[in-house]
Amino acid sequence: MSDEKKPFTVNDRRHFTPEGEARSEADEPVAEPRPEPPKAAPAASEPLPSVGEAEGSLDFIGLLISLGAQASALLGLGGPDEKGPAGPADLAGARGIIGLIEILERKTEGRRTPEEDQVLAGLLYELRMAYLARAR
C-alpha cells in the first residue's frame, strides 16, 4: 500500500495541541489538492418504467376501486355475509376518502375514458348513498 496514493488526507483542525497550547497557523499542515472523482457516465436516454408497467395493470380504475374499498371498510360495509354492516363506522374517515374521490373527479375532468367516467360516477353514487344510510 505504500506505492499507492492516499485517497484522502486527514487534517487536524483542532485549535489546541495535545499539550493544551494554542496552535498557530504555521503549525497547520498545508492541504494537498484533491484529485477530482471520475465523471459518471451520462444516464441512458430510455425512460424508467412507470409504476403501472412495473406492477402490471395499475391504472386509474384500480385506484378508484382501491379508494372505494377503503371507504366501504370505513363505513363498516362488507361484513362476512356481505349484506349487513361489518362493524362500527368511521364516518369522518369515509367522508375524507369520498372527498378525495370527488377531487379526483374534478381534476381529471375531460381526460377520462368513458369506462373511467362510468366507474367513477357509480362509485361516488354508491359511497354517497352508503354514507347517508350510515349517518342516519
C-alpha atoms as a PDB file:
ATOM      1  CA  MET A   1       0.000   0.000   0.000  1.00  0.00           C
ATOM      2  CA  SER A   2       2.988   2.303   0.280  1.00  0.00           C
ATOM      3  CA  ASP A   3       3.120   2.512  -3.551  1.00  0.00           C
ATOM      4  CA  GLU A   4      -0.432   3.806  -3.880  1.00  0.00           C
ATOM      5  CA  LYS A   5      -1.549   7.390  -3.385  1.00  0.00           C
ATOM      6  CA  LYS A   6      -3.740   8.093  -0.409  1.00  0.00           C
ATOM      7  CA  PRO A   7      -7.355   8.614  -1.450  1.00  0.00           C
ATOM      8  CA  PHE A   8      -7.792  11.286   1.224  1.00  0.00           C
ATOM      9  CA  THR A   9      -5.836  13.222   3.818  1.00  0.00           C
ATOM     10  CA  VAL A  10      -6.632  13.872   7.447  1.00  0.00           C
ATOM     11  CA  ASN A  11      -6.094  17.410   8.689  1.00  0.00           C
ATOM     12  CA  ASP A  12      -6.079  18.175  12.379  1.00  0.00           C
ATOM     13  CA  ARG A  13      -8.259  21.263  12.721  1.00  0.00           C
ATOM     14  CA  ARG A  14      -8.322  21.428  16.475  1.00  0.00           C
ATOM     15  CA  HIS A  15      -7.417  24.798  17.968  1.00  0.00           C
ATOM     16  CA  PHE A  16      -5.149  23.321  20.652  1.00  0.00           C
ATOM     17  CA  THR A  17      -2.189  20.923  20.647  1.00  0.00           C
ATOM     18  CA  PRO A  18      -2.256  17.696  22.714  1.00  0.00           C
ATOM     19  CA  GLU A  19      -0.362  19.619  25.404  1.00  0.00           C
ATOM     20  CA  GLY A  20      -3.148  22.235  25.629  1.00  0.00           C
ATOM     21  CA  GLU A  21      -1.329  25.095  23.921  1.00  0.00           C
ATOM     22  CA  ALA A  22      -2.970  27.171  21.203  1.00  0.00           C
ATOM     23  CA  ARG A  23      -1.988  26.196  17.688  1.00  0.00           C
ATOM     24  CA  SER A  24      -0.585  28.791  15.369  1.00  0.00           C
ATOM     25  CA  GLU A  25      -1.410  28.941  11.698  1.00  0.00           C
ATOM     26  CA  ALA A  26       2.159  27.896  10.888  1.00  0.00           C
ATOM     27  CA  ASP A  27       1.618  24.568  12.701  1.00  0.00           C
ATOM     28  CA  GLU A  28      -1.240  23.630  10.420  1.00  0.00           C
ATOM     29  CA  PRO A  29      -0.301  21.344   7.547  1.00  0.00           C
ATOM     30  CA  VAL A  30      -0.961  22.550   4.034  1.00  0.00           C
ATOM     31  CA  ALA A  31      -3.745  20.629   2.393  1.00  0.00           C
ATOM     32  CA  GLU A  32      -2.855  18.829  -0.807  1.00  0.00           C
ATOM     33  CA  PRO A  33      -5.196  19.339  -3.743  1.00  0.00           C
ATOM     34  CA  ARG A  34      -7.652  16.515  -4.051  1.00  0.00           C
ATOM     35  CA  PRO A  35      -7.941  14.672  -7.321  1.00  0.00           C
ATOM     36  CA  GLU A  36     -11.340  15.055  -8.913  1.00  0.00           C
ATOM     37  CA  PRO A  37     -13.529  11.963  -8.856  1.00  0.00           C
ATOM     38  CA  PRO A  38     -14.188  10.363 -12.225  1.00  0.00           C
ATOM     39  CA  LYS A  39     -17.188  11.732 -14.050  1.00  0.00           C
ATOM     40  CA  ALA A  40     -20.234   9.484 -14.096  1.00  0.00           C
ATOM     41  CA  ALA A  41     -21.421   8.265 -17.435  1.00  0.00           C
ATOM     42  CA  PRO A  42     -24.470  10.165 -18.693  1.00  0.00           C
ATOM     43  CA  ALA A  43     -27.767   8.488 -17.929  1.00  0.00           C
ATOM     44  CA  ALA A  44     -29.340   6.388 -20.626  1.00  0.00           C
ATOM     45  CA  SER A  45     -31.993   8.171 -22.623  1.00  0.00           C
ATOM     46  CA  GLU A  46     -34.587   5.436 -22.218  1.00  0.00           C
ATOM     47  CA  PRO A  47     -37.225   6.307 -19.596  1.00  0.00           C
ATOM     48  CA  LEU A  48     -37.746   4.276 -16.471  1.00  0.00           C
ATOM     49  CA  PRO A  49     -40.852   2.099 -16.460  1.00  0.00           C
ATOM     50  CA  SER A  50     -43.823   3.646 -14.730  1.00  0.00           C
ATOM     51  CA  VAL A  51     -45.347   2.007 -11.692  1.00  0.00           C
ATOM     52  CA  GLY A  52     -48.213   0.674 -13.791  1.00  0.00           C
ATOM     53  CA  GLU A  53     -45.847  -1.009 -16.216  1.00  0.00           C
ATOM     54  CA  ALA A  54     -43.705  -2.465 -13.455  1.00  0.00           C
ATOM     55  CA  GLU A  55     -46.605  -3.866 -11.427  1.00  0.00           C
ATOM     56  CA  GLY A  56     -48.866  -4.961 -14.212  1.00  0.00           C
ATOM     57  CA  SER A  57     -52.255  -3.335 -14.547  1.00  0.00           C
ATOM     58  CA  LEU A  58     -52.326  -0.421 -12.122  1.00  0.00           C
ATOM     59  CA  ASP A  59     -54.423   2.337 -13.592  1.00  0.00           C
ATOM     60  CA  PHE A  60     -56.961   4.990 -12.694  1.00  0.00           C
ATOM     61  CA  ILE A  61     -59.792   2.488 -12.347  1.00  0.00           C
ATOM     62  CA  GLY A  62     -57.647   0.386  -9.999  1.00  0.00           C
ATOM     63  CA  LEU A  63     -57.005   3.474  -7.888  1.00  0.00           C
ATOM     64  CA  LEU A  64     -60.715   4.246  -7.750  1.00  0.00           C
ATOM     65  CA  ILE A  65     -61.581   0.667  -6.766  1.00  0.00           C
ATOM     66  CA  SER A  66     -58.933   0.740  -4.041  1.00  0.00           C
ATOM     67  CA  LEU A  67     -60.199   4.031  -2.623  1.00  0.00           C
ATOM     68  CA  GLY A  68     -63.772   2.755  -2.814  1.00  0.00           C
ATOM     69  CA  ALA A  69     -62.848  -0.381  -0.880  1.00  0.00           C
ATOM     70  CA  GLN A  70     -61.195   1.717   1.816  1.00  0.00           C
ATOM     71  CA  ALA A  71     -64.221   3.984   2.105  1.00  0.00           C
ATOM     72  CA  SER A  72     -66.533   0.952   2.265  1.00  0.00           C
ATOM     73  CA  ALA A  73     -64.449  -0.538   5.056  1.00  0.00           C
ATOM     74  CA  LEU A  74     -64.564   2.754   6.966  1.00  0.00           C
ATOM     75  CA  LEU A  75     -68.330   2.838   6.529  1.00  0.00           C
ATOM     76  CA  GLY A  76     -68.463  -0.614   8.088  1.00  0.00           C
ATOM     77  CA  LEU A  77     -69.761  -2.277   4.942  1.00  0.00           C
ATOM     78  CA  GLY A  78     -68.748  -5.618   3.528  1.00  0.00           C
ATOM     79  CA  GLY A  79     -69.138  -7.859   6.544  1.00  0.00           C
ATOM     80  CA  PRO A  80     -68.715 -11.617   6.459  1.00  0.00           C
ATOM     81  CA  ASP A  81     -72.055 -12.133   4.721  1.00  0.00           C
ATOM     82  CA  GLU A  82     -71.571  -9.017   2.513  1.00  0.00           C
ATOM     83  CA  LYS A  83     -75.133  -7.859   3.282  1.00  0.00           C
ATOM     84  CA  GLY A  84     -75.051  -6.018   6.556  1.00  0.00           C
ATOM     85  CA  PRO A  85     -72.683  -3.733   8.410  1.00  0.00           C
ATOM     86  CA  ALA A  86     -69.383  -5.332   9.383  1.00  0.00           C
ATOM     87  CA  GLY A  87     -68.748  -3.147  12.378  1.00  0.00           C
ATOM     88  CA  PRO A  88     -68.663   0.405  13.664  1.00  0.00           C
ATOM     89  CA  ALA A  89     -68.367   3.095  11.034  1.00  0.00           C
ATOM     90  CA  ASP A  90     -65.710   5.806  10.900  1.00  0.00           C
ATOM     91  CA  LEU A  91     -67.838   8.422   9.166  1.00  0.00           C
ATOM     92  CA  ALA A  92     -65.158  11.118   9.236  1.00  0.00           C
ATOM     93  CA  GLY A  93     -62.596   8.850   7.592  1.00  0.00           C
ATOM     94  CA  ALA A  94     -65.092   7.657   4.999  1.00  0.00           C
ATOM     95  CA  ARG A  95     -66.117  11.234   4.226  1.00  0.00           C
ATOM     96  CA  GLY A  96     -62.437  12.118   3.747  1.00  0.00           C
ATOM     97  CA  ILE A  97     -61.949   9.376   1.171  1.00  0.00           C
ATOM     98  CA  ILE A  98     -65.194  10.277  -0.599  1.00  0.00           C
ATOM     99  CA  GLY A  99     -63.937  13.859  -0.715  1.00  0.00           C
ATOM    100  CA  LEU A 100     -60.657  12.654  -2.196  1.00  0.00           C
ATOM    101  CA  ILE A 101     -62.517  10.778  -4.930  1.00  0.00           C
ATOM    102  CA  GLU A 102     -64.550  13.928  -5.619  1.00  0.00           C
ATOM    103  CA  ILE A 103     -61.308  15.898  -6.005  1.00  0.00           C
ATOM    104  CA  LEU A 104     -60.008  13.269  -8.437  1.00  0.00           C
ATOM    105  CA  GLU A 105     -63.257  13.635 -10.373  1.00  0.00           C
ATOM    106  CA  ARG A 106     -62.776  17.389 -10.727  1.00  0.00           C
ATOM    107  CA  LYS A 107     -59.057  17.253 -11.504  1.00  0.00           C
ATOM    108  CA  THR A 108     -59.359  14.581 -14.189  1.00  0.00           C
ATOM    109  CA  GLU A 109     -62.360  16.147 -15.943  1.00  0.00           C
ATOM    110  CA  GLY A 110     -62.001  15.822 -19.701  1.00  0.00           C
ATOM    111  CA  ARG A 111     -59.128  13.331 -19.505  1.00  0.00           C
ATOM    112  CA  ARG A 112     -61.010  10.181 -18.531  1.00  0.00           C
ATOM    113  CA  THR A 113     -62.154   7.377 -20.771  1.00  0.00           C
ATOM    114  CA  PRO A 114     -65.889   6.555 -20.901  1.00  0.00           C
ATOM    115  CA  GLU A 115     -65.226   3.449 -18.818  1.00  0.00           C
ATOM    116  CA  GLU A 116     -63.417   5.504 -16.170  1.00  0.00           C
ATOM    117  CA  ASP A 117     -66.313   8.003 -16.152  1.00  0.00           C
ATOM    118  CA  GLN A 118     -68.782   5.181 -15.591  1.00  0.00           C
ATOM    119  CA  VAL A 119     -66.776   3.603 -12.755  1.00  0.00           C
ATOM    120  CA  LEU A 120     -66.186   6.968 -11.092  1.00  0.00           C
ATOM    121  CA  ALA A 121     -69.843   8.039 -11.253  1.00  0.00           C
ATOM    122  CA  GLY A 122     -71.092   4.675  -9.999  1.00  0.00           C
ATOM    123  CA  LEU A 123     -68.559   4.528  -7.199  1.00  0.00           C
ATOM    124  CA  LEU A 124     -69.361   8.035  -5.965  1.00  0.00           C
ATOM    125  CA  TYR A 125     -73.083   7.327  -6.078  1.00  0.00           C
ATOM    126  CA  GLU A 126     -72.755   4.092  -4.091  1.00  0.00           C
ATOM    127  CA  LEU A 127     -70.417   5.608  -1.498  1.00  0.00           C
ATOM    128  CA  ARG A 128     -72.579   8.701  -1.017  1.00  0.00           C
ATOM    129  CA  MET A 129     -75.713   6.600  -0.541  1.00  0.00           C
ATOM    130  CA  ALA A 130     -73.941   4.286   1.918  1.00  0.00           C
ATOM    131  CA  TYR A 131     -72.604   7.307   3.809  1.00  0.00           C
ATOM    132  CA  LEU A 132     -76.078   8.812   4.092  1.00  0.00           C
ATOM    133  CA  ALA A 133     -77.547   5.495   5.256  1.00  0.00           C
ATOM    134  CA  ARG A 134     -74.876   5.104   7.961  1.00  0.00           C
ATOM    135  CA  ALA A 135     -75.042   8.747   9.041  1.00  0.00           C
ATOM    136  CA  ARG A 136     -78.732   8.475   9.967  1.00  0.00           C
END
